[in-house]
């Protein structure tokens, strides 16, 4: 089985981590303590895009939610 996708790297204490979406973990029977094989392919994010996305999300979050709820 193989799960593919793009996840953001997060800080956990002094380490970095990549999360597995809960839906995919359940689907594949992955639980806390499970061993998994993984590979890493860095995605080159243009400088500033994370901040731009955060600003976009803040400005348009309610509008996007309203559209999604229709």
PDB file of N, CA and C in Angstrom:
ATOM      1  N   UNK A   1       0.835  -1.176   0.000  1.00  0.00           N
ATOM      2  CA  UNK A   1       0.000   0.000   0.000  1.00  0.00           C
ATOM      3  C   UNK A   1       0.883   1.243   0.000  1.00  0.00           C
ATOM      4  N   UNK A   2       0.414   2.287  -0.650  1.00  0.00           N
ATOM      5  CA  UNK A   2       1.197   3.516  -0.723  1.00  0.00           C
ATOM      6  C   UNK A   2       0.264   4.706  -0.585  1.00  0.00           C
ATOM      7  N   UNK A   3       0.618   5.610   0.296  1.00  0.00           N
ATOM      8  CA  UNK A   3      -0.133   6.856   0.459  1.00  0.00           C
ATOM      9  C   UNK A   3       0.729   7.948  -0.151  1.00  0.00           C
ATOM     10  N   UNK A   4       0.175   8.720  -1.047  1.00  0.00           N
ATOM     11  CA  UNK A   4       0.926   9.819  -1.623  1.00  0.00           C
ATOM     12  C   UNK A   4       0.196  11.121  -1.359  1.00  0.00           C
ATOM     13  N   UNK A   5       0.916  12.198  -1.352  1.00  0.00           N
ATOM     14  CA  UNK A   5       0.332  13.509  -1.138  1.00  0.00           C
ATOM     15  C   UNK A   5       1.411  14.483  -0.728  1.00  0.00           C
ATOM     16  N   UNK A   6       0.999  15.682  -0.437  1.00  0.00           N
ATOM     17  CA  UNK A   6       1.928  16.708   0.021  1.00  0.00           C
ATOM     18  C   UNK A   6       1.476  17.170   1.398  1.00  0.00           C
ATOM     19  N   UNK A   7       2.362  17.153   2.342  1.00  0.00           N
ATOM     20  CA  UNK A   7       2.078  17.588   3.705  1.00  0.00           C
ATOM     21  C   UNK A   7       3.095  18.646   4.102  1.00  0.00           C
ATOM     22  N   UNK A   8       2.677  19.563   4.954  1.00  0.00           N
ATOM     23  CA  UNK A   8       3.607  20.543   5.510  1.00  0.00           C
ATOM     24  C   UNK A   8       4.392  19.910   6.643  1.00  0.00           C
ATOM     25  N   UNK A   9       5.618  20.329   6.798  1.00  0.00           N
ATOM     26  CA  UNK A   9       6.458  19.870   7.902  1.00  0.00           C
ATOM     27  C   UNK A   9       6.113  20.732   9.116  1.00  0.00           C
ATOM     28  N   UNK A  10       5.920  20.086  10.264  1.00  0.00           N
ATOM     29  CA  UNK A  10       5.598  20.801  11.497  1.00  0.00           C
ATOM     30  C   UNK A  10       6.691  20.551  12.531  1.00  0.00           C
ATOM     31  N   UNK A  11       6.763  21.408  13.538  1.00  0.00           N
ATOM     32  CA  UNK A  11       7.728  21.229  14.616  1.00  0.00           C
ATOM     33  C   UNK A  11       7.045  20.505  15.767  1.00  0.00           C
ATOM     34  N   UNK A  12       7.713  19.468  16.281  1.00  0.00           N
ATOM     35  CA  UNK A  12       7.254  18.727  17.455  1.00  0.00           C
ATOM     36  C   UNK A  12       8.423  18.717  18.416  1.00  0.00           C
ATOM     37  N   UNK A  13       8.366  19.577  19.415  1.00  0.00           N
ATOM     38  CA  UNK A  13       9.514  19.744  20.315  1.00  0.00           C
ATOM     39  C   UNK A  13      10.669  20.315  19.516  1.00  0.00           C
ATOM     40  N   UNK A  14      11.814  19.647  19.555  1.00  0.00           N
ATOM     41  CA  UNK A  14      12.973  20.119  18.785  1.00  0.00           C
ATOM     42  C   UNK A  14      13.119  19.347  17.469  1.00  0.00           C
ATOM     43  N   UNK A  15      12.127  18.504  17.162  1.00  0.00           N
ATOM     44  CA  UNK A  15      12.158  17.704  15.934  1.00  0.00           C
ATOM     45  C   UNK A  15      11.184  18.268  14.906  1.00  0.00           C
ATOM     46  N   UNK A  16      11.262  17.741  13.697  1.00  0.00           N
ATOM     47  CA  UNK A  16      10.308  18.062  12.652  1.00  0.00           C
ATOM     48  C   UNK A  16       9.484  16.819  12.370  1.00  0.00           C
ATOM     49  N   UNK A  17       8.237  17.006  11.936  1.00  0.00           N
ATOM     50  CA  UNK A  17       7.356  15.866  11.683  1.00  0.00           C
ATOM     51  C   UNK A  17       6.482  16.126  10.468  1.00  0.00           C
ATOM     52  N   UNK A  18       6.055  15.055   9.843  1.00  0.00           N
ATOM     53  CA  UNK A  18       5.086  15.104   8.763  1.00  0.00           C
ATOM     54  C   UNK A  18       3.931  14.220   9.206  1.00  0.00           C
ATOM     55  N   UNK A  19       2.727  14.736   9.143  1.00  0.00           N
ATOM     56  CA  UNK A  19       1.572  13.982   9.622  1.00  0.00           C
ATOM     57  C   UNK A  19       0.967  13.129   8.518  1.00  0.00           C
ATOM     58  N   UNK A  20       0.262  12.092   8.932  1.00  0.00           N
ATOM     59  CA  UNK A  20      -0.519  11.256   8.031  1.00  0.00           C
ATOM     60  C   UNK A  20      -1.978  11.629   8.285  1.00  0.00           C
ATOM     61  N   UNK A  21      -2.726  11.997   7.247  1.00  0.00           N
ATOM     62  CA  UNK A  21      -4.141  12.332   7.464  1.00  0.00           C
ATOM     63  C   UNK A  21      -4.870  11.183   8.164  1.00  0.00           C
ATOM     64  N   UNK A  22      -5.705  11.514   9.146  1.00  0.00           N
ATOM     65  CA  UNK A  22      -6.400  10.497   9.944  1.00  0.00           C
ATOM     66  C   UNK A  22      -7.190   9.526   9.075  1.00  0.00           C
ATOM     67  N   UNK A  23      -7.855  10.033   8.051  1.00  0.00           N
ATOM     68  CA  UNK A  23      -8.644   9.176   7.159  1.00  0.00           C
ATOM     69  C   UNK A  23      -7.764   8.118   6.502  1.00  0.00           C
ATOM     70  N   UNK A  24      -6.574   8.517   6.044  1.00  0.00           N
ATOM     71  CA  UNK A  24      -5.660   7.575   5.406  1.00  0.00           C
ATOM     72  C   UNK A  24      -5.080   6.599   6.425  1.00  0.00           C
ATOM     73  N   UNK A  25      -4.774   7.091   7.619  1.00  0.00           N
ATOM     74  CA  UNK A  25      -4.247   6.199   8.659  1.00  0.00           C
ATOM     75  C   UNK A  25      -5.264   5.109   8.990  1.00  0.00           C
ATOM     76  N   UNK A  26      -6.525   5.505   9.163  1.00  0.00           N
ATOM     77  CA  UNK A  26      -7.574   4.512   9.452  1.00  0.00           C
ATOM     78  C   UNK A  26      -7.734   3.538   8.291  1.00  0.00           C
ATOM     79  N   UNK A  27      -7.744   4.071   7.077  1.00  0.00           N
ATOM     80  CA  UNK A  27      -7.945   3.241   5.884  1.00  0.00           C
ATOM     81  C   UNK A  27      -6.874   2.158   5.749  1.00  0.00           C
ATOM     82  N   UNK A  28      -5.647   2.484   6.163  1.00  0.00           N
ATOM     83  CA  UNK A  28      -4.535   1.551   6.022  1.00  0.00           C
ATOM     84  C   UNK A  28      -4.173   0.849   7.334  1.00  0.00           C
ATOM     85  N   UNK A  29      -4.956   1.083   8.375  1.00  0.00           N
ATOM     86  CA  UNK A  29      -4.707   0.408   9.649  1.00  0.00           C
ATOM     87  C   UNK A  29      -3.461   0.889  10.370  1.00  0.00           C
ATOM     88  N   UNK A  30      -3.049   2.133  10.120  1.00  0.00           N
ATOM     89  CA  UNK A  30      -1.862   2.687  10.784  1.00  0.00           C
ATOM     90  C   UNK A  30      -2.298   3.267  12.119  1.00  0.00           C
ATOM     91  N   UNK A  31      -1.598   2.854  13.184  1.00  0.00           N
ATOM     92  CA  UNK A  31      -1.904   3.335  14.529  1.00  0.00           C
ATOM     93  C   UNK A  31      -0.625   3.837  15.176  1.00  0.00           C
ATOM     94  N   UNK A  32      -0.762   4.504  16.305  1.00  0.00           N
ATOM     95  CA  UNK A  32       0.407   4.942  17.067  1.00  0.00           C
ATOM     96  C   UNK A  32       1.263   3.715  17.349  1.00  0.00           C
ATOM     97  N   UNK A  33       2.538   3.803  17.043  1.00  0.00           N
ATOM     98  CA  UNK A  33       3.448   2.686  17.244  1.00  0.00           C
ATOM     99  C   UNK A  33       3.653   1.819  16.010  1.00  0.00           C
ATOM    100  N   UNK A  34       2.835   2.036  14.969  1.00  0.00           N
ATOM    101  CA  UNK A  34       3.009   1.282  13.723  1.00  0.00           C
ATOM    102  C   UNK A  34       4.332   1.664  13.074  1.00  0.00           C
ATOM    103  N   UNK A  35       4.949   0.736  12.390  1.00  0.00           N
ATOM    104  CA  UNK A  35       6.149   1.014  11.602  1.00  0.00           C
ATOM    105  C   UNK A  35       5.728   1.214  10.154  1.00  0.00           C
ATOM    106  N   UNK A  36       6.289   2.239   9.512  1.00  0.00           N
ATOM    107  CA  UNK A  36       5.982   2.511   8.107  1.00  0.00           C
ATOM    108  C   UNK A  36       7.272   2.841   7.373  1.00  0.00           C
ATOM    109  N   UNK A  37       7.333   2.520   6.102  1.00  0.00           N
ATOM    110  CA  UNK A  37       8.434   2.944   5.242  1.00  0.00           C
ATOM    111  C   UNK A  37       8.022   4.255   4.599  1.00  0.00           C
ATOM    112  N   UNK A  38       8.974   5.150   4.365  1.00  0.00           N
ATOM    113  CA  UNK A  38       8.629   6.401   3.719  1.00  0.00           C
ATOM    114  C   UNK A  38       9.786   6.907   2.890  1.00  0.00           C
ATOM    115  N   UNK A  39       9.475   7.794   1.966  1.00  0.00           N
ATOM    116  CA  UNK A  39      10.469   8.468   1.144  1.00  0.00           C
ATOM    117  C   UNK A  39      10.180   9.964   1.205  1.00  0.00           C
ATOM    118  N   UNK A  40      11.173  10.756   0.966  1.00  0.00           N
ATOM    119  CA  UNK A  40      10.997  12.204   1.047  1.00  0.00           C
ATOM    120  C   UNK A  40      11.414  12.839  -0.272  1.00  0.00           C
ATOM    121  N   UNK A  41      10.549  13.677  -0.812  1.00  0.00           N
ATOM    122  CA  UNK A  41      10.850  14.464  -1.991  1.00  0.00           C
ATOM    123  C   UNK A  41      10.491  15.912  -1.659  1.00  0.00           C
ATOM    124  N   UNK A  42      11.469  16.771  -1.365  1.00  0.00           N
ATOM    125  CA  UNK A  42      11.157  18.148  -1.034  1.00  0.00           C
ATOM    126  C   UNK A  42      10.418  18.854  -2.176  1.00  0.00           C
ATOM    127  N   UNK A  43       9.443  19.649  -1.825  1.00  0.00           N
ATOM    128  CA  UNK A  43       8.707  20.454  -2.794  1.00  0.00           C
ATOM    129  C   UNK A  43       9.241  21.874  -2.663  1.00  0.00           C
ATOM    130  N   UNK A  44       9.752  22.398  -3.750  1.00  0.00           N
ATOM    131  CA  UNK A  44      10.293  23.760  -3.710  1.00  0.00           C
ATOM    132  C   UNK A  44       9.158  24.768  -3.705  1.00  0.00           C
ATOM    133  N   UNK A  45       8.936  25.365  -2.551  1.00  0.00           N
ATOM    134  CA  UNK A  45       7.896  26.371  -2.391  1.00  0.00           C
ATOM    135  C   UNK A  45       8.514  27.733  -2.645  1.00  0.00           C
ATOM    136  N   UNK A  46       7.919  28.515  -3.553  1.00  0.00           N
ATOM    137  CA  UNK A  46       8.461  29.851  -3.804  1.00  0.00           C
ATOM    138  C   UNK A  46       8.485  30.684  -2.519  1.00  0.00           C
ATOM    139  N   UNK A  47       9.517  31.492  -2.322  1.00  0.00           N
ATOM    140  CA  UNK A  47       9.599  32.323  -1.116  1.00  0.00           C
ATOM    141  C   UNK A  47       8.347  33.188  -0.970  1.00  0.00           C
ATOM    142  N   UNK A  48       7.836  33.240   0.235  1.00  0.00           N
ATOM    143  CA  UNK A  48       6.698  34.105   0.522  1.00  0.00           C
ATOM    144  C   UNK A  48       5.338  33.476   0.274  1.00  0.00           C
ATOM    145  N   UNK A  49       5.273  32.334  -0.393  1.00  0.00           N
ATOM    146  CA  UNK A  49       3.973  31.761  -0.746  1.00  0.00           C
ATOM    147  C   UNK A  49       3.192  31.336   0.498  1.00  0.00           C
ATOM    148  N   UNK A  50       3.885  30.868   1.516  1.00  0.00           N
ATOM    149  CA  UNK A  50       3.198  30.456   2.747  1.00  0.00           C
ATOM    150  C   UNK A  50       2.523  31.660   3.391  1.00  0.00           C
ATOM    151  N   UNK A  51       3.240  32.787   3.457  1.00  0.00           N
ATOM    152  CA  UNK A  51       2.645  33.997   4.032  1.00  0.00           C
ATOM    153  C   UNK A  51       1.492  34.507   3.182  1.00  0.00           C
ATOM    154  N   UNK A  52       1.641  34.448   1.867  1.00  0.00           N
ATOM    155  CA  UNK A  52       0.566  34.885   0.979  1.00  0.00           C
ATOM    156  C   UNK A  52      -0.674  34.023   1.172  1.00  0.00           C
ATOM    157  N   UNK A  53      -0.470  32.716   1.316  1.00  0.00           N
ATOM    158  CA  UNK A  53      -1.599  31.815   1.533  1.00  0.00           C
ATOM    159  C   UNK A  53      -2.279  32.137   2.860  1.00  0.00           C
ATOM    160  N   UNK A  54      -1.497  32.367   3.899  1.00  0.00           N
ATOM    161  CA  UNK A  54      -2.072  32.687   5.212  1.00  0.00           C
ATOM    162  C   UNK A  54      -2.915  33.958   5.135  1.00  0.00           C
ATOM    163  N   UNK A  55      -2.422  34.967   4.432  1.00  0.00           N
ATOM    164  CA  UNK A  55      -3.177  36.209   4.268  1.00  0.00           C
ATOM    165  C   UNK A  55      -4.465  35.964   3.478  1.00  0.00           C
ATOM    166  N   UNK A  56      -4.362  35.192   2.395  1.00  0.00           N
ATOM    167  CA  UNK A  56      -5.540  34.860   1.585  1.00  0.00           C
ATOM    168  C   UNK A  56      -6.581  34.140   2.436  1.00  0.00           C
ATOM    169  N   UNK A  57      -6.115  33.148   3.205  1.00  0.00           N
ATOM    170  CA  UNK A  57      -7.009  32.359   4.045  1.00  0.00           C
ATOM    171  C   UNK A  57      -7.713  33.242   5.075  1.00  0.00           C
ATOM    172  N   UNK A  58      -6.962  34.151   5.687  1.00  0.00           N
ATOM    173  CA  UNK A  58      -7.553  35.056   6.672  1.00  0.00           C
ATOM    174  C   UNK A  58      -8.597  35.953   6.022  1.00  0.00           C
ATOM    175  N   UNK A  59      -8.273  36.486   4.865  1.00  0.00           N
ATOM    176  CA  UNK A  59      -9.172  37.435   4.199  1.00  0.00           C
ATOM    177  C   UNK A  59     -10.425  36.757   3.642  1.00  0.00           C
ATOM    178  N   UNK A  60     -10.290  35.554   3.088  1.00  0.00           N
ATOM    179  CA  UNK A  60     -11.405  34.946   2.369  1.00  0.00           C
ATOM    180  C   UNK A  60     -11.981  33.682   3.017  1.00  0.00           C
ATOM    181  N   UNK A  61     -11.553  33.345   4.217  1.00  0.00           N
ATOM    182  CA  UNK A  61     -11.992  32.094   4.853  1.00  0.00           C
ATOM    183  C   UNK A  61     -13.507  32.002   4.946  1.00  0.00           C
ATOM    184  N   UNK A  62     -14.149  33.032   5.431  1.00  0.00           N
ATOM    185  CA  UNK A  62     -15.598  32.986   5.607  1.00  0.00           C
ATOM    186  C   UNK A  62     -16.321  32.883   4.264  1.00  0.00           C
ATOM    187  N   UNK A  63     -15.850  33.617   3.276  1.00  0.00           N
ATOM    188  CA  UNK A  63     -16.467  33.556   1.946  1.00  0.00           C
ATOM    189  C   UNK A  63     -16.336  32.155   1.361  1.00  0.00           C
ATOM    190  N   UNK A  64     -15.153  31.572   1.451  1.00  0.00           N
ATOM    191  CA  UNK A  64     -14.941  30.224   0.926  1.00  0.00           C
ATOM    192  C   UNK A  64     -15.787  29.193   1.674  1.00  0.00           C
ATOM    193  N   UNK A  65     -15.916  29.350   2.992  1.00  0.00           N
ATOM    194  CA  UNK A  65     -16.737  28.429   3.776  1.00  0.00           C
ATOM    195  C   UNK A  65     -18.196  28.551   3.356  1.00  0.00           C
ATOM    196  N   UNK A  66     -18.657  29.777   3.165  1.00  0.00           N
ATOM    197  CA  UNK A  66     -20.051  29.987   2.730  1.00  0.00           C
ATOM    198  C   UNK A  66     -20.307  29.328   1.376  1.00  0.00           C
ATOM    199  N   UNK A  67     -19.363  29.459   0.460  1.00  0.00           N
ATOM    200  CA  UNK A  67     -19.516  28.821  -0.851  1.00  0.00           C
ATOM    201  C   UNK A  67     -19.533  27.297  -0.725  1.00  0.00           C
ATOM    202  N   UNK A  68     -18.661  26.765   0.109  1.00  0.00           N
ATOM    203  CA  UNK A  68     -18.594  25.318   0.283  1.00  0.00           C
ATOM    204  C   UNK A  68     -19.858  24.758   0.923  1.00  0.00           C
ATOM    205  N   UNK A  69     -20.495  25.549   1.781  1.00  0.00           N
ATOM    206  CA  UNK A  69     -21.691  25.087   2.482  1.00  0.00           C
ATOM    207  C   UNK A  69     -22.956  25.154   1.632  1.00  0.00           C
ATOM    208  N   UNK A  70     -22.889  25.756   0.454  1.00  0.00           N
ATOM    209  CA  UNK A  70     -24.093  25.869  -0.401  1.00  0.00           C
ATOM    210  C   UNK A  70     -24.528  24.543  -0.929  1.00  0.00           C
TER     211      UNK A  70
END
